[in-house]
Amino acid sequence: MNIEKAVLAVITTNPSKVNGGAPIFICESKQEMETFAANLEAITDGIVHSLSEELYIIVKH
C-alpha cells in the first residue's frame, strides 16, 4: 500500500483545536509533542508541519 497526499496524524497539546479524520495524539507538554512528532515522522515516512505552538500535523506529500 502506498499512501500519497494525506494527513497521517495530528499532534496537539490542545484537544479543543482538533476533530476527526486522522489519528489524533494529545500530549501534555510541548516537549512531549515534539518527541511524538519526531517519532511519528520517522515511522510514517511523513513530514511534520507546525500549524501553531500547540498543533503539529504529519503529512505525506
PDB file of N, CA and C in Angstrom:
ATOM      1  N   MET A   1       0.846  -1.173   0.000  1.00  0.00           N
ATOM      2  CA  MET A   1       0.000   0.000   0.000  1.00  0.00           C
ATOM      3  C   MET A   1       0.891   1.236   0.000  1.00  0.00           C
ATOM      4  N   ASN A   2       0.582   2.180  -0.851  1.00  0.00           N
ATOM      5  CA  ASN A   2       1.368   3.402  -0.964  1.00  0.00           C
ATOM      6  C   ASN A   2       0.432   4.597  -0.796  1.00  0.00           C
ATOM      7  N   ILE A   3       0.578   5.315   0.315  1.00  0.00           N
ATOM      8  CA  ILE A   3      -0.271   6.478   0.595  1.00  0.00           C
ATOM      9  C   ILE A   3       0.449   7.738   0.147  1.00  0.00           C
ATOM     10  N   GLU A   4      -0.253   8.574  -0.611  1.00  0.00           N
ATOM     11  CA  GLU A   4       0.292   9.860  -1.051  1.00  0.00           C
ATOM     12  C   GLU A   4      -0.719  10.959  -0.789  1.00  0.00           C
ATOM     13  N   LYS A   5      -0.219  12.161  -0.497  1.00  0.00           N
ATOM     14  CA  LYS A   5      -1.033  13.352  -0.298  1.00  0.00           C
ATOM     15  C   LYS A   5      -2.131  13.153   0.735  1.00  0.00           C
ATOM     16  N   ALA A   6      -1.722  12.916   1.964  1.00  0.00           N
ATOM     17  CA  ALA A   6      -2.682  12.702   3.045  1.00  0.00           C
ATOM     18  C   ALA A   6      -2.138  13.222   4.364  1.00  0.00           C
ATOM     19  N   VAL A   7      -3.051  13.625   5.257  1.00  0.00           N
ATOM     20  CA  VAL A   7      -2.677  13.940   6.627  1.00  0.00           C
ATOM     21  C   VAL A   7      -2.649  12.610   7.370  1.00  0.00           C
ATOM     22  N   LEU A   8      -1.486  12.250   7.896  1.00  0.00           N
ATOM     23  CA  LEU A   8      -1.315  10.959   8.554  1.00  0.00           C
ATOM     24  C   LEU A   8      -1.586  11.009  10.049  1.00  0.00           C
ATOM     25  N   ALA A   9      -1.340  12.160  10.683  1.00  0.00           N
ATOM     26  CA  ALA A   9      -1.541  12.271  12.128  1.00  0.00           C
ATOM     27  C   ALA A   9      -1.629  13.738  12.537  1.00  0.00           C
ATOM     28  N   VAL A  10      -2.298  13.965  13.652  1.00  0.00           N
ATOM     29  CA  VAL A  10      -2.397  15.279  14.269  1.00  0.00           C
ATOM     30  C   VAL A  10      -1.867  15.136  15.686  1.00  0.00           C
ATOM     31  N   ILE A  11      -0.997  16.066  16.091  1.00  0.00           N
ATOM     32  CA  ILE A  11      -0.394  16.031  17.422  1.00  0.00           C
ATOM     33  C   ILE A  11      -0.634  17.390  18.065  1.00  0.00           C
ATOM     34  N   THR A  12      -1.194  17.374  19.265  1.00  0.00           N
ATOM     35  CA  THR A  12      -1.563  18.644  19.887  1.00  0.00           C
ATOM     36  C   THR A  12      -1.449  18.602  21.404  1.00  0.00           C
ATOM     37  N   THR A  13      -1.355  19.780  21.990  1.00  0.00           N
ATOM     38  CA  THR A  13      -1.470  19.919  23.440  1.00  0.00           C
ATOM     39  C   THR A  13      -2.821  20.530  23.793  1.00  0.00           C
ATOM     40  N   ASN A  14      -3.624  20.849  22.771  1.00  0.00           N
ATOM     41  CA  ASN A  14      -4.927  21.468  22.989  1.00  0.00           C
ATOM     42  C   ASN A  14      -6.001  20.695  22.216  1.00  0.00           C
ATOM     43  N   PRO A  15      -6.627  19.702  22.843  1.00  0.00           N
ATOM     44  CA  PRO A  15      -7.597  18.862  22.131  1.00  0.00           C
ATOM     45  C   PRO A  15      -8.813  19.608  21.602  1.00  0.00           C
ATOM     46  N   SER A  16      -9.103  20.789  22.111  1.00  0.00           N
ATOM     47  CA  SER A  16     -10.263  21.542  21.606  1.00  0.00           C
ATOM     48  C   SER A  16     -10.020  22.090  20.201  1.00  0.00           C
ATOM     49  N   LYS A  17      -8.777  22.047  19.715  1.00  0.00           N
ATOM     50  CA  LYS A  17      -8.448  22.568  18.381  1.00  0.00           C
ATOM     51  C   LYS A  17      -8.582  21.529  17.272  1.00  0.00           C
ATOM     52  N   VAL A  18      -8.820  20.258  17.613  1.00  0.00           N
ATOM     53  CA  VAL A  18      -8.819  19.202  16.598  1.00  0.00           C
ATOM     54  C   VAL A  18     -10.087  18.366  16.662  1.00  0.00           C
ATOM     55  N   ASN A  19     -10.369  17.694  15.504  1.00  0.00           N
ATOM     56  CA  ASN A  19     -11.540  16.844  15.431  1.00  0.00           C
ATOM     57  C   ASN A  19     -11.430  15.906  14.238  1.00  0.00           C
ATOM     58  N   GLY A  20     -11.631  14.625  14.454  1.00  0.00           N
ATOM     59  CA  GLY A  20     -11.794  13.586  13.429  1.00  0.00           C
ATOM     60  C   GLY A  20     -10.800  13.523  12.297  1.00  0.00           C
ATOM     61  N   GLY A  21     -11.025  12.559  11.402  1.00  0.00           N
ATOM     62  CA  GLY A  21     -10.235  12.425  10.192  1.00  0.00           C
ATOM     63  C   GLY A  21      -8.991  11.583  10.320  1.00  0.00           C
ATOM     64  N   ALA A  22      -7.964  12.116  10.896  1.00  0.00           N
ATOM     65  CA  ALA A  22      -6.673  11.423  11.059  1.00  0.00           C
ATOM     66  C   ALA A  22      -6.505  11.033  12.532  1.00  0.00           C
ATOM     67  N   PRO A  23      -5.597  10.119  12.814  1.00  0.00           N
ATOM     68  CA  PRO A  23      -5.308   9.812  14.222  1.00  0.00           C
ATOM     69  C   PRO A  23      -4.839  11.064  14.963  1.00  0.00           C
ATOM     70  N   ILE A  24      -5.359  11.260  16.161  1.00  0.00           N
ATOM     71  CA  ILE A  24      -5.041  12.435  16.968  1.00  0.00           C
ATOM     72  C   ILE A  24      -4.274  11.992  18.213  1.00  0.00           C
ATOM     73  N   PHE A  25      -3.118  12.614  18.446  1.00  0.00           N
ATOM     74  CA  PHE A  25      -2.297  12.330  19.612  1.00  0.00           C
ATOM     75  C   PHE A  25      -2.303  13.569  20.495  1.00  0.00           C
ATOM     76  N   ILE A  26      -2.804  13.425  21.715  1.00  0.00           N
ATOM     77  CA  ILE A  26      -2.888  14.545  22.649  1.00  0.00           C
ATOM     78  C   ILE A  26      -1.745  14.421  23.650  1.00  0.00           C
ATOM     79  N   CYS A  27      -0.929  15.455  23.710  1.00  0.00           N
ATOM     80  CA  CYS A  27       0.259  15.453  24.570  1.00  0.00           C
ATOM     81  C   CYS A  27       0.075  16.447  25.711  1.00  0.00           C
ATOM     82  N   GLU A  28       0.836  16.241  26.771  1.00  0.00           N
ATOM     83  CA  GLU A  28       0.714  17.106  27.944  1.00  0.00           C
ATOM     84  C   GLU A  28       1.662  18.292  27.929  1.00  0.00           C
ATOM     85  N   SER A  29       2.682  18.269  27.056  1.00  0.00           N
ATOM     86  CA  SER A  29       3.640  19.374  27.015  1.00  0.00           C
ATOM     87  C   SER A  29       4.165  19.549  25.590  1.00  0.00           C
ATOM     88  N   LYS A  30       4.772  20.694  25.360  1.00  0.00           N
ATOM     89  CA  LYS A  30       5.383  20.945  24.049  1.00  0.00           C
ATOM     90  C   LYS A  30       6.514  19.957  23.783  1.00  0.00           C
ATOM     91  N   GLN A  31       7.290  19.644  24.806  1.00  0.00           N
ATOM     92  CA  GLN A  31       8.391  18.690  24.650  1.00  0.00           C
ATOM     93  C   GLN A  31       7.867  17.307  24.255  1.00  0.00           C
ATOM     94  N   GLU A  32       6.801  16.851  24.911  1.00  0.00           N
ATOM     95  CA  GLU A  32       6.204  15.563  24.558  1.00  0.00           C
ATOM     96  C   GLU A  32       5.667  15.597  23.126  1.00  0.00           C
ATOM     97  N   MET A  33       5.058  16.700  22.745  1.00  0.00           N
ATOM     98  CA  MET A  33       4.528  16.857  21.391  1.00  0.00           C
ATOM     99  C   MET A  33       5.654  16.769  20.354  1.00  0.00           C
ATOM    100  N   GLU A  34       6.775  17.406  20.621  1.00  0.00           N
ATOM    101  CA  GLU A  34       7.914  17.365  19.704  1.00  0.00           C
ATOM    102  C   GLU A  34       8.485  15.953  19.587  1.00  0.00           C
ATOM    103  N   THR A  35       8.530  15.219  20.699  1.00  0.00           N
ATOM    104  CA  THR A  35       9.017  13.836  20.678  1.00  0.00           C
ATOM    105  C   THR A  35       8.084  12.950  19.856  1.00  0.00           C
ATOM    106  N   PHE A  36       6.776  13.071  20.087  1.00  0.00           N
ATOM    107  CA  PHE A  36       5.798  12.307  19.310  1.00  0.00           C
ATOM    108  C   PHE A  36       5.933  12.630  17.829  1.00  0.00           C
ATOM    109  N   ALA A  37       6.050  13.915  17.504  1.00  0.00           N
ATOM    110  CA  ALA A  37       6.142  14.331  16.102  1.00  0.00           C
ATOM    111  C   ALA A  37       7.376  13.741  15.428  1.00  0.00           C
ATOM    112  N   ALA A  38       8.503  13.798  16.099  1.00  0.00           N
ATOM    113  CA  ALA A  38       9.739  13.262  15.518  1.00  0.00           C
ATOM    114  C   ALA A  38       9.642  11.756  15.302  1.00  0.00           C
ATOM    115  N   ASN A  39       9.103  11.047  16.283  1.00  0.00           N
ATOM    116  CA  ASN A  39       8.969   9.597  16.156  1.00  0.00           C
ATOM    117  C   ASN A  39       7.967   9.217  15.076  1.00  0.00           C
ATOM    118  N   LEU A  40       6.813   9.860  15.060  1.00  0.00           N
ATOM    119  CA  LEU A  40       5.803   9.542  14.046  1.00  0.00           C
ATOM    120  C   LEU A  40       6.268   9.918  12.639  1.00  0.00           C
ATOM    121  N   GLU A  41       7.028  10.991  12.535  1.00  0.00           N
ATOM    122  CA  GLU A  41       7.582  11.388  11.238  1.00  0.00           C
ATOM    123  C   GLU A  41       8.457  10.268  10.684  1.00  0.00           C
ATOM    124  N   ALA A  42       9.306   9.697  11.516  1.00  0.00           N
ATOM    125  CA  ALA A  42      10.192   8.612  11.087  1.00  0.00           C
ATOM    126  C   ALA A  42       9.408   7.334  10.797  1.00  0.00           C
ATOM    127  N   ILE A  43       8.461   6.999  11.655  1.00  0.00           N
ATOM    128  CA  ILE A  43       7.690   5.765  11.488  1.00  0.00           C
ATOM    129  C   ILE A  43       6.838   5.802  10.220  1.00  0.00           C
ATOM    130  N   THR A  44       6.193   6.932   9.954  1.00  0.00           N
ATOM    131  CA  THR A  44       5.269   7.026   8.815  1.00  0.00           C
ATOM    132  C   THR A  44       5.949   7.464   7.524  1.00  0.00           C
ATOM    133  N   ASP A  45       7.214   7.871   7.607  1.00  0.00           N
ATOM    134  CA  ASP A  45       7.930   8.413   6.459  1.00  0.00           C
ATOM    135  C   ASP A  45       7.216   9.650   5.917  1.00  0.00           C
ATOM    136  N   GLY A  46       6.670  10.446   6.855  1.00  0.00           N
ATOM    137  CA  GLY A  46       5.969  11.676   6.502  1.00  0.00           C
ATOM    138  C   GLY A  46       6.813  12.894   6.848  1.00  0.00           C
ATOM    139  N   ILE A  47       6.181  14.063   6.788  1.00  0.00           N
ATOM    140  CA  ILE A  47       6.844  15.329   7.099  1.00  0.00           C
ATOM    141  C   ILE A  47       6.007  16.053   8.162  1.00  0.00           C
ATOM    142  N   VAL A  48       6.672  16.566   9.203  1.00  0.00           N
ATOM    143  CA  VAL A  48       5.982  17.321  10.254  1.00  0.00           C
ATOM    144  C   VAL A  48       5.848  18.771   9.827  1.00  0.00           C
ATOM    145  N   HIS A  49       4.648  19.322  10.037  1.00  0.00           N
ATOM    146  CA  HIS A  49       4.405  20.742   9.815  1.00  0.00           C
ATOM    147  C   HIS A  49       3.803  21.316  11.090  1.00  0.00           C
ATOM    148  N   SER A  50       4.343  22.432  11.545  1.00  0.00           N
ATOM    149  CA  SER A  50       3.822  23.120  12.720  1.00  0.00           C
ATOM    150  C   SER A  50       2.772  24.124  12.265  1.00  0.00           C
ATOM    151  N   LEU A  51       1.534  23.944  12.712  1.00  0.00           N
ATOM    152  CA  LEU A  51       0.470  24.890  12.365  1.00  0.00           C
ATOM    153  C   LEU A  51       0.327  25.979  13.424  1.00  0.00           C
ATOM    154  N   SER A  52       0.768  25.658  14.645  1.00  0.00           N
ATOM    155  CA  SER A  52       0.806  26.638  15.725  1.00  0.00           C
ATOM    156  C   SER A  52       1.706  26.064  16.815  1.00  0.00           C
ATOM    157  N   GLU A  53       1.863  26.807  17.900  1.00  0.00           N
ATOM    158  CA  GLU A  53       2.688  26.347  19.010  1.00  0.00           C
ATOM    159  C   GLU A  53       2.134  25.067  19.642  1.00  0.00           C
ATOM    160  N   GLU A  54       0.839  24.834  19.461  1.00  0.00           N
ATOM    161  CA  GLU A  54       0.215  23.683  20.110  1.00  0.00           C
ATOM    162  C   GLU A  54      -0.388  22.677  19.139  1.00  0.00           C
ATOM    163  N   LEU A  55      -0.027  22.792  17.847  1.00  0.00           N
ATOM    164  CA  LEU A  55      -0.622  21.888  16.867  1.00  0.00           C
ATOM    165  C   LEU A  55       0.361  21.558  15.739  1.00  0.00           C
ATOM    166  N   TYR A  56       0.663  20.280  15.602  1.00  0.00           N
ATOM    167  CA  TYR A  56       1.501  19.775  14.507  1.00  0.00           C
ATOM    168  C   TYR A  56       0.674  18.781  13.701  1.00  0.00           C
ATOM    169  N   ILE A  57       0.974  18.695  12.413  1.00  0.00           N
ATOM    170  CA  ILE A  57       0.413  17.623  11.600  1.00  0.00           C
ATOM    171  C   ILE A  57       1.552  16.895  10.898  1.00  0.00           C
ATOM    172  N   ILE A  58       1.321  15.644  10.596  1.00  0.00           N
ATOM    173  CA  ILE A  58       2.270  14.876   9.788  1.00  0.00           C
ATOM    174  C   ILE A  58       1.565  14.559   8.499  1.00  0.00           C
ATOM    175  N   VAL A  59       2.185  14.935   7.389  1.00  0.00           N
ATOM    176  CA  VAL A  59       1.586  14.724   6.074  1.00  0.00           C
ATOM    177  C   VAL A  59       2.502  13.905   5.188  1.00  0.00           C
ATOM    178  N   LYS A  60       1.900  13.306   4.215  1.00  0.00           N
ATOM    179  CA  LYS A  60       2.636  12.608   3.157  1.00  0.00           C
ATOM    180  C   LYS A  60       2.376  13.398   1.894  1.00  0.00           C
ATOM    181  N   HIS A  61       3.438  13.903   1.275  1.00  0.00           N
ATOM    182  CA  HIS A  61       3.304  14.712   0.048  1.00  0.00           C
ATOM    183  C   HIS A  61       3.336  13.829  -1.170  1.00  0.00           C
TER     184      HIS A  61
END
